[in-house]
Amino acid sequence: MSPPATDDGPPGAQLERTMLSWRRTTVSFTAVALLLARLAVLEAPRPLALVAVAAIGLTWAGAIHLIRMRIRALTLPVGRTLPLVVTLTLLYCATGTLLLVS
């Protein structure tokens, strides 16, 4: 008796799809960082804009580092990188909200 058919595609495809989704996350983080930095420069008072751009840059760098670590360790369990990426995403949300309110 043959094993049941699945729609997962060829072996290894799931790993490749996961890697590509992390790459899309990297692009998304970069786009959001650029938009937040632009908003800070155009709308926030000068001292606040400099602090916001620095915070956005540090958050972006941390997120990219964590995503690269996760891509390299795709075959390992999630561990601590995913919760940290979620935390950095929430920091982006808070930064954007503070910039819109100011």
PDB file of N, CA and C in Angstrom:
ATOM      1  N   MET A   1       0.835  -1.171   0.000  1.00  0.00           N
ATOM      2  CA  MET A   1       0.000   0.000   0.000  1.00  0.00           C
ATOM      3  C   MET A   1       0.885   1.241   0.000  1.00  0.00           C
ATOM      4  N   SER A   2       0.607   2.196  -0.854  1.00  0.00           N
ATOM      5  CA  SER A   2       1.425   3.400  -0.965  1.00  0.00           C
ATOM      6  C   SER A   2       0.972   4.442   0.062  1.00  0.00           C
ATOM      7  N   PRO A   3       1.900   5.345   0.448  1.00  0.00           N
ATOM      8  CA  PRO A   3       1.545   6.388   1.416  1.00  0.00           C
ATOM      9  C   PRO A   3       0.536   7.357   0.803  1.00  0.00           C
ATOM     10  N   PRO A   4      -0.263   8.024   1.638  1.00  0.00           N
ATOM     11  CA  PRO A   4      -1.263   8.951   1.113  1.00  0.00           C
ATOM     12  C   PRO A   4      -0.611  10.125   0.397  1.00  0.00           C
ATOM     13  N   ALA A   5      -1.265  10.593  -0.654  1.00  0.00           N
ATOM     14  CA  ALA A   5      -0.739  11.721  -1.423  1.00  0.00           C
ATOM     15  C   ALA A   5      -0.937  13.009  -0.630  1.00  0.00           C
ATOM     16  N   THR A   6       0.055  13.890  -0.712  1.00  0.00           N
ATOM     17  CA  THR A   6      -0.055  15.196  -0.053  1.00  0.00           C
ATOM     18  C   THR A   6       0.169  16.287  -1.078  1.00  0.00           C
ATOM     19  N   ASP A   7      -0.266  17.480  -0.737  1.00  0.00           N
ATOM     20  CA  ASP A   7      -0.088  18.634  -1.626  1.00  0.00           C
ATOM     21  C   ASP A   7       1.132  19.458  -1.257  1.00  0.00           C
ATOM     22  N   ASP A   8       2.045  18.871  -0.500  1.00  0.00           N
ATOM     23  CA  ASP A   8       3.224  19.607  -0.049  1.00  0.00           C
ATOM     24  C   ASP A   8       4.272  19.786  -1.136  1.00  0.00           C
ATOM     25  N   GLY A   9       4.137  19.104  -2.230  1.00  0.00           N
ATOM     26  CA  GLY A   9       5.116  19.227  -3.298  1.00  0.00           C
ATOM     27  C   GLY A   9       6.301  18.315  -3.063  1.00  0.00           C
ATOM     28  N   PRO A  10       7.369  18.553  -3.789  1.00  0.00           N
ATOM     29  CA  PRO A  10       8.554  17.698  -3.668  1.00  0.00           C
ATOM     30  C   PRO A  10       9.214  17.857  -2.307  1.00  0.00           C
ATOM     31  N   PRO A  11       9.992  16.845  -1.905  1.00  0.00           N
ATOM     32  CA  PRO A  11      10.697  16.947  -0.621  1.00  0.00           C
ATOM     33  C   PRO A  11      11.620  18.162  -0.605  1.00  0.00           C
ATOM     34  N   GLY A  12      11.653  18.840   0.494  1.00  0.00           N
ATOM     35  CA  GLY A  12      12.488  20.033   0.617  1.00  0.00           C
ATOM     36  C   GLY A  12      11.787  21.315   0.220  1.00  0.00           C
ATOM     37  N   ALA A  13      10.608  21.197  -0.383  1.00  0.00           N
ATOM     38  CA  ALA A  13       9.897  22.401  -0.826  1.00  0.00           C
ATOM     39  C   ALA A  13       9.426  23.223   0.370  1.00  0.00           C
ATOM     40  N   GLN A  14       9.022  22.551   1.439  1.00  0.00           N
ATOM     41  CA  GLN A  14       8.553  23.290   2.611  1.00  0.00           C
ATOM     42  C   GLN A  14       9.687  24.127   3.197  1.00  0.00           C
ATOM     43  N   LEU A  15      10.869  23.569   3.260  1.00  0.00           N
ATOM     44  CA  LEU A  15      12.028  24.306   3.768  1.00  0.00           C
ATOM     45  C   LEU A  15      12.317  25.527   2.892  1.00  0.00           C
ATOM     46  N   GLU A  16      12.228  25.338   1.580  1.00  0.00           N
ATOM     47  CA  GLU A  16      12.470  26.455   0.663  1.00  0.00           C
ATOM     48  C   GLU A  16      11.395  27.529   0.796  1.00  0.00           C
ATOM     49  N   ARG A  17      10.148  27.118   0.939  1.00  0.00           N
ATOM     50  CA  ARG A  17       9.059  28.096   1.117  1.00  0.00           C
ATOM     51  C   ARG A  17       9.244  28.879   2.413  1.00  0.00           C
ATOM     52  N   THR A  18       9.683  28.200   3.461  1.00  0.00           N
ATOM     53  CA  THR A  18       9.920  28.879   4.731  1.00  0.00           C
ATOM     54  C   THR A  18      11.052  29.885   4.600  1.00  0.00           C
ATOM     55  N   MET A  19      12.124  29.501   3.920  1.00  0.00           N
ATOM     56  CA  MET A  19      13.235  30.421   3.708  1.00  0.00           C
ATOM     57  C   MET A  19      12.777  31.641   2.912  1.00  0.00           C
ATOM     58  N   LEU A  20      11.982  31.416   1.880  1.00  0.00           N
ATOM     59  CA  LEU A  20      11.496  32.533   1.075  1.00  0.00           C
ATOM     60  C   LEU A  20      10.561  33.440   1.873  1.00  0.00           C
ATOM     61  N   SER A  21       9.784  32.865   2.766  1.00  0.00           N
ATOM     62  CA  SER A  21       8.905  33.707   3.583  1.00  0.00           C
ATOM     63  C   SER A  21       9.720  34.576   4.540  1.00  0.00           C
ATOM     64  N   TRP A  22      10.834  34.043   5.054  1.00  0.00           N
ATOM     65  CA  TRP A  22      11.698  34.872   5.894  1.00  0.00           C
ATOM     66  C   TRP A  22      12.348  35.977   5.064  1.00  0.00           C
ATOM     67  N   ARG A  23      12.659  35.687   3.818  1.00  0.00           N
ATOM     68  CA  ARG A  23      13.209  36.728   2.927  1.00  0.00           C
ATOM     69  C   ARG A  23      12.182  37.831   2.694  1.00  0.00           C
ATOM     70  N   ARG A  24      10.924  37.448   2.498  1.00  0.00           N
ATOM     71  CA  ARG A  24       9.858  38.454   2.336  1.00  0.00           C
ATOM     72  C   ARG A  24       9.698  39.280   3.612  1.00  0.00           C
ATOM     73  N   THR A  25       9.874  38.641   4.748  1.00  0.00           N
ATOM     74  CA  THR A  25       9.814  39.364   6.019  1.00  0.00           C
ATOM     75  C   THR A  25      10.934  40.397   6.089  1.00  0.00           C
ATOM     76  N   THR A  26      12.109  40.045   5.603  1.00  0.00           N
ATOM     77  CA  THR A  26      13.230  40.981   5.559  1.00  0.00           C
ATOM     78  C   THR A  26      12.891  42.195   4.708  1.00  0.00           C
ATOM     79  N   VAL A  27      12.308  41.956   3.551  1.00  0.00           N
ATOM     80  CA  VAL A  27      11.926  43.062   2.668  1.00  0.00           C
ATOM     81  C   VAL A  27      10.862  43.929   3.339  1.00  0.00           C
ATOM     82  N   SER A  28       9.907  43.293   4.012  1.00  0.00           N
ATOM     83  CA  SER A  28       8.859  44.039   4.702  1.00  0.00           C
ATOM     84  C   SER A  28       9.436  44.909   5.816  1.00  0.00           C
ATOM     85  N   PHE A  29      10.346  44.348   6.604  1.00  0.00           N
ATOM     86  CA  PHE A  29      10.974  45.120   7.666  1.00  0.00           C
ATOM     87  C   PHE A  29      11.722  46.320   7.095  1.00  0.00           C
ATOM     88  N   THR A  30      12.409  46.130   5.986  1.00  0.00           N
ATOM     89  CA  THR A  30      13.152  47.223   5.376  1.00  0.00           C
ATOM     90  C   THR A  30      12.205  48.315   4.889  1.00  0.00           C
ATOM     91  N   ALA A  31      11.120  47.936   4.238  1.00  0.00           N
ATOM     92  CA  ALA A  31      10.153  48.920   3.743  1.00  0.00           C
ATOM     93  C   ALA A  31       9.524  49.701   4.896  1.00  0.00           C
ATOM     94  N   VAL A  32       9.148  49.011   5.952  1.00  0.00           N
ATOM     95  CA  VAL A  32       8.549  49.690   7.106  1.00  0.00           C
ATOM     96  C   VAL A  32       9.561  50.619   7.760  1.00  0.00           C
ATOM     97  N   ALA A  33      10.805  50.194   7.872  1.00  0.00           N
ATOM     98  CA  ALA A  33      11.835  51.047   8.466  1.00  0.00           C
ATOM     99  C   ALA A  33      12.027  52.316   7.651  1.00  0.00           C
ATOM    100  N   LEU A  34      12.067  52.190   6.340  1.00  0.00           N
ATOM    101  CA  LEU A  34      12.231  53.370   5.496  1.00  0.00           C
ATOM    102  C   LEU A  34      11.030  54.303   5.597  1.00  0.00           C
ATOM    103  N   LEU A  35       9.827  53.758   5.624  1.00  0.00           N
ATOM    104  CA  LEU A  35       8.635  54.594   5.750  1.00  0.00           C
ATOM    105  C   LEU A  35       8.570  55.285   7.111  1.00  0.00           C
ATOM    106  N   LEU A  36       8.913  54.576   8.173  1.00  0.00           N
ATOM    107  CA  LEU A  36       8.927  55.197   9.494  1.00  0.00           C
ATOM    108  C   LEU A  36       9.994  56.291   9.587  1.00  0.00           C
ATOM    109  N   ALA A  37      11.163  56.044   9.021  1.00  0.00           N
ATOM    110  CA  ALA A  37      12.221  57.057   9.042  1.00  0.00           C
ATOM    111  C   ALA A  37      11.787  58.293   8.251  1.00  0.00           C
ATOM    112  N   ARG A  38      11.142  58.072   7.129  1.00  0.00           N
ATOM    113  CA  ARG A  38      10.646  59.204   6.326  1.00  0.00           C
ATOM    114  C   ARG A  38       9.603  59.987   7.106  1.00  0.00           C
ATOM    115  N   LEU A  39       8.692  59.286   7.759  1.00  0.00           N
ATOM    116  CA  LEU A  39       7.673  59.948   8.565  1.00  0.00           C
ATOM    117  C   LEU A  39       8.313  60.747   9.693  1.00  0.00           C
ATOM    118  N   ALA A  40       9.324  60.188  10.326  1.00  0.00           N
ATOM    119  CA  ALA A  40      10.002  60.892  11.421  1.00  0.00           C
ATOM    120  C   ALA A  40      10.673  62.161  10.920  1.00  0.00           C
ATOM    121  N   VAL A  41      11.334  62.081   9.787  1.00  0.00           N
ATOM    122  CA  VAL A  41      12.054  63.245   9.261  1.00  0.00           C
ATOM    123  C   VAL A  41      11.082  64.334   8.817  1.00  0.00           C
ATOM    124  N   LEU A  42       9.982  63.948   8.205  1.00  0.00           N
ATOM    125  CA  LEU A  42       9.045  64.942   7.679  1.00  0.00           C
ATOM    126  C   LEU A  42       8.101  65.517   8.724  1.00  0.00           C
ATOM    127  N   GLU A  43       7.717  64.747   9.715  1.00  0.00           N
ATOM    128  CA  GLU A  43       6.647  65.178  10.613  1.00  0.00           C
ATOM    129  C   GLU A  43       7.083  65.489  12.038  1.00  0.00           C
ATOM    130  N   ALA A  44       8.107  64.856  12.538  1.00  0.00           N
ATOM    131  CA  ALA A  44       8.478  65.022  13.947  1.00  0.00           C
ATOM    132  C   ALA A  44       9.392  66.234  14.119  1.00  0.00           C
ATOM    133  N   PRO A  45       9.375  66.836  15.325  1.00  0.00           N
ATOM    134  CA  PRO A  45      10.347  67.899  15.609  1.00  0.00           C
ATOM    135  C   PRO A  45      11.777  67.350  15.496  1.00  0.00           C
ATOM    136  N   ARG A  46      12.703  68.207  15.176  1.00  0.00           N
ATOM    137  CA  ARG A  46      14.077  67.792  14.865  1.00  0.00           C
ATOM    138  C   ARG A  46      14.717  66.865  15.904  1.00  0.00           C
ATOM    139  N   PRO A  47      14.728  67.216  17.203  1.00  0.00           N
ATOM    140  CA  PRO A  47      15.393  66.300  18.160  1.00  0.00           C
ATOM    141  C   PRO A  47      14.701  64.934  18.233  1.00  0.00           C
ATOM    142  N   LEU A  48      13.365  64.951  18.207  1.00  0.00           N
ATOM    143  CA  LEU A  48      12.622  63.693  18.244  1.00  0.00           C
ATOM    144  C   LEU A  48      12.868  62.879  16.975  1.00  0.00           C
ATOM    145  N   ALA A  49      12.994  63.556  15.847  1.00  0.00           N
ATOM    146  CA  ALA A  49      13.232  62.864  14.573  1.00  0.00           C
ATOM    147  C   ALA A  49      14.565  62.125  14.598  1.00  0.00           C
ATOM    148  N   LEU A  50      15.592  62.749  15.142  1.00  0.00           N
ATOM    149  CA  LEU A  50      16.910  62.102  15.197  1.00  0.00           C
ATOM    150  C   LEU A  50      16.875  60.867  16.090  1.00  0.00           C
ATOM    151  N   VAL A  51      16.209  60.985  17.229  1.00  0.00           N
ATOM    152  CA  VAL A  51      16.100  59.844  18.140  1.00  0.00           C
ATOM    153  C   VAL A  51      15.278  58.731  17.486  1.00  0.00           C
ATOM    154  N   ALA A  52      14.181  59.108  16.823  1.00  0.00           N
ATOM    155  CA  ALA A  52      13.320  58.115  16.176  1.00  0.00           C
ATOM    156  C   ALA A  52      14.060  57.396  15.054  1.00  0.00           C
ATOM    157  N   VAL A  53      14.793  58.122  14.236  1.00  0.00           N
ATOM    158  CA  VAL A  53      15.535  57.492  13.140  1.00  0.00           C
ATOM    159  C   VAL A  53      16.601  56.552  13.686  1.00  0.00           C
ATOM    160  N   ALA A  54      17.269  56.946  14.754  1.00  0.00           N
ATOM    161  CA  ALA A  54      18.272  56.063  15.365  1.00  0.00           C
ATOM    162  C   ALA A  54      17.610  54.796  15.918  1.00  0.00           C
ATOM    163  N   ALA A  55      16.473  54.951  16.591  1.00  0.00           N
ATOM    164  CA  ALA A  55      15.767  53.787  17.136  1.00  0.00           C
ATOM    165  C   ALA A  55      15.260  52.879  16.021  1.00  0.00           C
ATOM    166  N   ILE A  56      14.764  53.480  14.963  1.00  0.00           N
ATOM    167  CA  ILE A  56      14.281  52.697  13.820  1.00  0.00           C
ATOM    168  C   ILE A  56      15.432  51.921  13.191  1.00  0.00           C
ATOM    169  N   GLY A  57      16.576  52.572  13.022  1.00  0.00           N
ATOM    170  CA  GLY A  57      17.742  51.903  12.443  1.00  0.00           C
ATOM    171  C   GLY A  57      18.244  50.751  13.296  1.00  0.00           C
ATOM    172  N   LEU A  58      18.283  50.952  14.601  1.00  0.00           N
ATOM    173  CA  LEU A  58      18.729  49.876  15.501  1.00  0.00           C
ATOM    174  C   LEU A  58      17.741  48.717  15.505  1.00  0.00           C
ATOM    175  N   THR A  59      16.457  49.036  15.509  1.00  0.00           N
ATOM    176  CA  THR A  59      15.441  47.983  15.467  1.00  0.00           C
ATOM    177  C   THR A  59      15.538  47.211  14.165  1.00  0.00           C
ATOM    178  N   TRP A  60      15.722  47.922  13.060  1.00  0.00           N
ATOM    179  CA  TRP A  60      15.848  47.269  11.753  1.00  0.00           C
ATOM    180  C   TRP A  60      17.073  46.347  11.740  1.00  0.00           C
ATOM    181  N   ALA A  61      18.195  46.837  12.231  1.00  0.00           N
ATOM    182  CA  ALA A  61      19.414  46.020  12.236  1.00  0.00           C
ATOM    183  C   ALA A  61      19.232  44.771  13.098  1.00  0.00           C
ATOM    184  N   GLY A  62      18.589  44.923  14.247  1.00  0.00           N
ATOM    185  CA  GLY A  62      18.339  43.765  15.098  1.00  0.00           C
ATOM    186  C   GLY A  62      17.426  42.751  14.433  1.00  0.00           C
ATOM    187  N   ALA A  63      16.374  43.246  13.789  1.00  0.00           N
ATOM    188  CA  ALA A  63      15.445  42.339  13.107  1.00  0.00           C
ATOM    189  C   ALA A  63      16.134  41.597  11.970  1.00  0.00           C
ATOM    190  N   ILE A  64      16.915  42.291  11.188  1.00  0.00           N
ATOM    191  CA  ILE A  64      17.616  41.647  10.070  1.00  0.00           C
ATOM    192  C   ILE A  64      18.590  40.593  10.597  1.00  0.00           C
ATOM    193  N   HIS A  65      19.279  40.908  11.669  1.00  0.00           N
ATOM    194  CA  HIS A  65      20.202  39.935  12.263  1.00  0.00           C
ATOM    195  C   HIS A  65      19.455  38.682  12.729  1.00  0.00           C
ATOM    196  N   LEU A  66      18.340  38.881  13.427  1.00  0.00           N
ATOM    197  CA  LEU A  66      17.566  37.733  13.902  1.00  0.00           C
ATOM    198  C   LEU A  66      17.004  36.913  12.748  1.00  0.00           C
ATOM    199  N   ILE A  67      16.539  37.577  11.716  1.00  0.00           N
ATOM    200  CA  ILE A  67      15.993  36.856  10.561  1.00  0.00           C
ATOM    201  C   ILE A  67      17.085  36.048   9.874  1.00  0.00           C
ATOM    202  N   ARG A  68      18.266  36.623   9.742  1.00  0.00           N
ATOM    203  CA  ARG A  68      19.379  35.875   9.124  1.00  0.00           C
ATOM    204  C   ARG A  68      19.762  34.666   9.967  1.00  0.00           C
ATOM    205  N   MET A  69      19.736  34.836  11.301  1.00  0.00           N
ATOM    206  CA  MET A  69      20.016  33.699  12.181  1.00  0.00           C
ATOM    207  C   MET A  69      18.963  32.610  11.981  1.00  0.00           C
ATOM    208  N   ARG A  70      17.719  33.008  11.859  1.00  0.00           N
ATOM    209  CA  ARG A  70      16.629  32.045  11.690  1.00  0.00           C
ATOM    210  C   ARG A  70      16.739  31.330  10.354  1.00  0.00           C
ATOM    211  N   ILE A  71      17.118  32.029   9.302  1.00  0.00           N
ATOM    212  CA  ILE A  71      17.273  31.397   7.990  1.00  0.00           C
ATOM    213  C   ILE A  71      18.384  30.348   8.050  1.00  0.00           C
ATOM    214  N   ARG A  72      19.492  30.685   8.723  1.00  0.00           N
ATOM    215  CA  ARG A  72      20.597  29.723   8.826  1.00  0.00           C
ATOM    216  C   ARG A  72      20.225  28.496   9.639  1.00  0.00           C
ATOM    217  N   ALA A  73      19.274  28.634  10.559  1.00  0.00           N
ATOM    218  CA  ALA A  73      18.922  27.533  11.455  1.00  0.00           C
ATOM    219  C   ALA A  73      17.524  26.994  11.153  1.00  0.00           C
ATOM    220  N   LEU A  74      17.156  26.946   9.893  1.00  0.00           N
ATOM    221  CA  LEU A  74      15.799  26.531   9.533  1.00  0.00           C
ATOM    222  C   LEU A  74      15.473  25.110   9.963  1.00  0.00           C
ATOM    223  N   THR A  75      16.437  24.256  10.011  1.00  0.00           N
ATOM    224  CA  THR A  75      16.155  22.866  10.364  1.00  0.00           C
ATOM    225  C   THR A  75      16.076  22.652  11.873  1.00  0.00           C
ATOM    226  N   LEU A  76      16.390  23.689  12.656  1.00  0.00           N
ATOM    227  CA  LEU A  76      16.350  23.589  14.113  1.00  0.00           C
ATOM    228  C   LEU A  76      15.017  24.102  14.638  1.00  0.00           C
ATOM    229  N   PRO A  77      14.647  23.761  15.874  1.00  0.00           N
ATOM    230  CA  PRO A  77      13.418  24.306  16.453  1.00  0.00           C
ATOM    231  C   PRO A  77      13.478  25.829  16.550  1.00  0.00           C
ATOM    232  N   VAL A  78      12.323  26.465  16.674  1.00  0.00           N
ATOM    233  CA  VAL A  78      12.224  27.931  16.636  1.00  0.00           C
ATOM    234  C   VAL A  78      13.093  28.594  17.683  1.00  0.00           C
ATOM    235  N   GLY A  79      13.074  28.159  18.907  1.00  0.00           N
ATOM    236  CA  GLY A  79      13.914  28.752  19.938  1.00  0.00           C
ATOM    237  C   GLY A  79      13.483  30.162  20.294  1.00  0.00           C
ATOM    238  N   ARG A  80      14.462  31.062  20.476  1.00  0.00           N
ATOM    239  CA  ARG A  80      14.167  32.410  20.939  1.00  0.00           C
ATOM    240  C   ARG A  80      14.107  33.446  19.839  1.00  0.00           C
ATOM    241  N   THR A  81      14.439  33.125  18.610  1.00  0.00           N
ATOM    242  CA  THR A  81      14.486  34.151  17.572  1.00  0.00           C
ATOM    243  C   THR A  81      13.104  34.653  17.182  1.00  0.00           C
ATOM    244  N   LEU A  82      12.127  33.786  17.069  1.00  0.00           N
ATOM    245  CA  LEU A  82      10.797  34.222  16.650  1.00  0.00           C
ATOM    246  C   LEU A  82      10.161  35.179  17.651  1.00  0.00           C
ATOM    247  N   PRO A  83      10.184  34.901  18.956  1.00  0.00           N
ATOM    248  CA  PRO A  83       9.626  35.889  19.889  1.00  0.00           C
ATOM    249  C   PRO A  83      10.349  37.238  19.827  1.00  0.00           C
ATOM    250  N   LEU A  84      11.643  37.226  19.566  1.00  0.00           N
ATOM    251  CA  LEU A  84      12.369  38.492  19.445  1.00  0.00           C
ATOM    252  C   LEU A  84      11.945  39.254  18.200  1.00  0.00           C
ATOM    253  N   VAL A  85      11.717  38.568  17.094  1.00  0.00           N
ATOM    254  CA  VAL A  85      11.239  39.232  15.877  1.00  0.00           C
ATOM    255  C   VAL A  85       9.860  39.837  16.131  1.00  0.00           C
ATOM    256  N   VAL A  86       9.013  39.125  16.847  1.00  0.00           N
ATOM    257  CA  VAL A  86       7.689  39.656  17.191  1.00  0.00           C
ATOM    258  C   VAL A  86       7.835  40.901  18.061  1.00  0.00           C
ATOM    259  N   THR A  87       8.741  40.871  19.022  1.00  0.00           N
ATOM    260  CA  THR A  87       8.975  42.035  19.879  1.00  0.00           C
ATOM    261  C   THR A  87       9.446  43.234  19.065  1.00  0.00           C
ATOM    262  N   LEU A  88      10.359  43.015  18.123  1.00  0.00           N
ATOM    263  CA  LEU A  88      10.828  44.113  17.280  1.00  0.00           C
ATOM    264  C   LEU A  88       9.709  44.644  16.388  1.00  0.00           C
ATOM    265  N   THR A  89       8.836  43.772  15.932  1.00  0.00           N
ATOM    266  CA  THR A  89       7.690  44.217  15.140  1.00  0.00           C
ATOM    267  C   THR A  89       6.786  45.107  15.985  1.00  0.00           C
ATOM    268  N   LEU A  90       6.567  44.733  17.226  1.00  0.00           N
ATOM    269  CA  LEU A  90       5.752  45.559  18.118  1.00  0.00           C
ATOM    270  C   LEU A  90       6.421  46.903  18.404  1.00  0.00           C
ATOM    271  N   LEU A  91       7.750  46.920  18.478  1.00  0.00           N
ATOM    272  CA  LEU A  91       8.458  48.192  18.632  1.00  0.00           C
ATOM    273  C   LEU A  91       8.230  49.094  17.421  1.00  0.00           C
ATOM    274  N   TYR A  92       8.220  48.524  16.228  1.00  0.00           N
ATOM    275  CA  TYR A  92       7.910  49.300  15.024  1.00  0.00           C
ATOM    276  C   TYR A  92       6.510  49.882  15.118  1.00  0.00           C
ATOM    277  N   CYS A  93       5.555  49.078  15.570  1.00  0.00           N
ATOM    278  CA  CYS A  93       4.177  49.561  15.708  1.00  0.00           C
ATOM    279  C   CYS A  93       4.112  50.716  16.697  1.00  0.00           C
ATOM    280  N   ALA A  94       4.790  50.581  17.811  1.00  0.00           N
ATOM    281  CA  ALA A  94       4.783  51.645  18.816  1.00  0.00           C
ATOM    282  C   ALA A  94       5.451  52.906  18.285  1.00  0.00           C
ATOM    283  N   THR A  95       6.560  52.747  17.572  1.00  0.00           N
ATOM    284  CA  THR A  95       7.258  53.905  17.004  1.00  0.00           C
ATOM    285  C   THR A  95       6.364  54.629  16.006  1.00  0.00           C
ATOM    286  N   GLY A  96       5.722  53.885  15.124  1.00  0.00           N
ATOM    287  CA  GLY A  96       4.825  54.498  14.149  1.00  0.00           C
ATOM    288  C   GLY A  96       3.674  55.213  14.812  1.00  0.00           C
ATOM    289  N   THR A  97       3.106  54.608  15.849  1.00  0.00           N
ATOM    290  CA  THR A  97       2.005  55.246  16.571  1.00  0.00           C
ATOM    291  C   THR A  97       2.451  56.528  17.234  1.00  0.00           C
ATOM    292  N   LEU A  98       3.616  56.511  17.890  1.00  0.00           N
ATOM    293  CA  LEU A  98       4.125  57.721  18.529  1.00  0.00           C
ATOM    294  C   LEU A  98       4.415  58.824  17.510  1.00  0.00           C
ATOM    295  N   LEU A  99       4.914  58.452  16.347  1.00  0.00           N
ATOM    296  CA  LEU A  99       5.194  59.465  15.324  1.00  0.00           C
ATOM    297  C   LEU A  99       3.905  60.051  14.764  1.00  0.00           C
ATOM    298  N   LEU A 100       2.888  59.235  14.608  1.00  0.00           N
ATOM    299  CA  LEU A 100       1.620  59.746  14.086  1.00  0.00           C
ATOM    300  C   LEU A 100       0.918  60.637  15.104  1.00  0.00           C
ATOM    301  N   VAL A 101       1.056  60.324  16.382  1.00  0.00           N
ATOM    302  CA  VAL A 101       0.387  61.098  17.419  1.00  0.00           C
ATOM    303  C   VAL A 101       1.112  62.410  17.682  1.00  0.00           C
ATOM    304  N   SER A 102       2.429  62.432  17.546  1.00  0.00           N
ATOM    305  CA  SER A 102       3.196  63.649  17.863  1.00  0.00           C
ATOM    306  C   SER A 102       2.968  64.781  16.890  1.00  0.00           C
TER     307      SER A 102
END
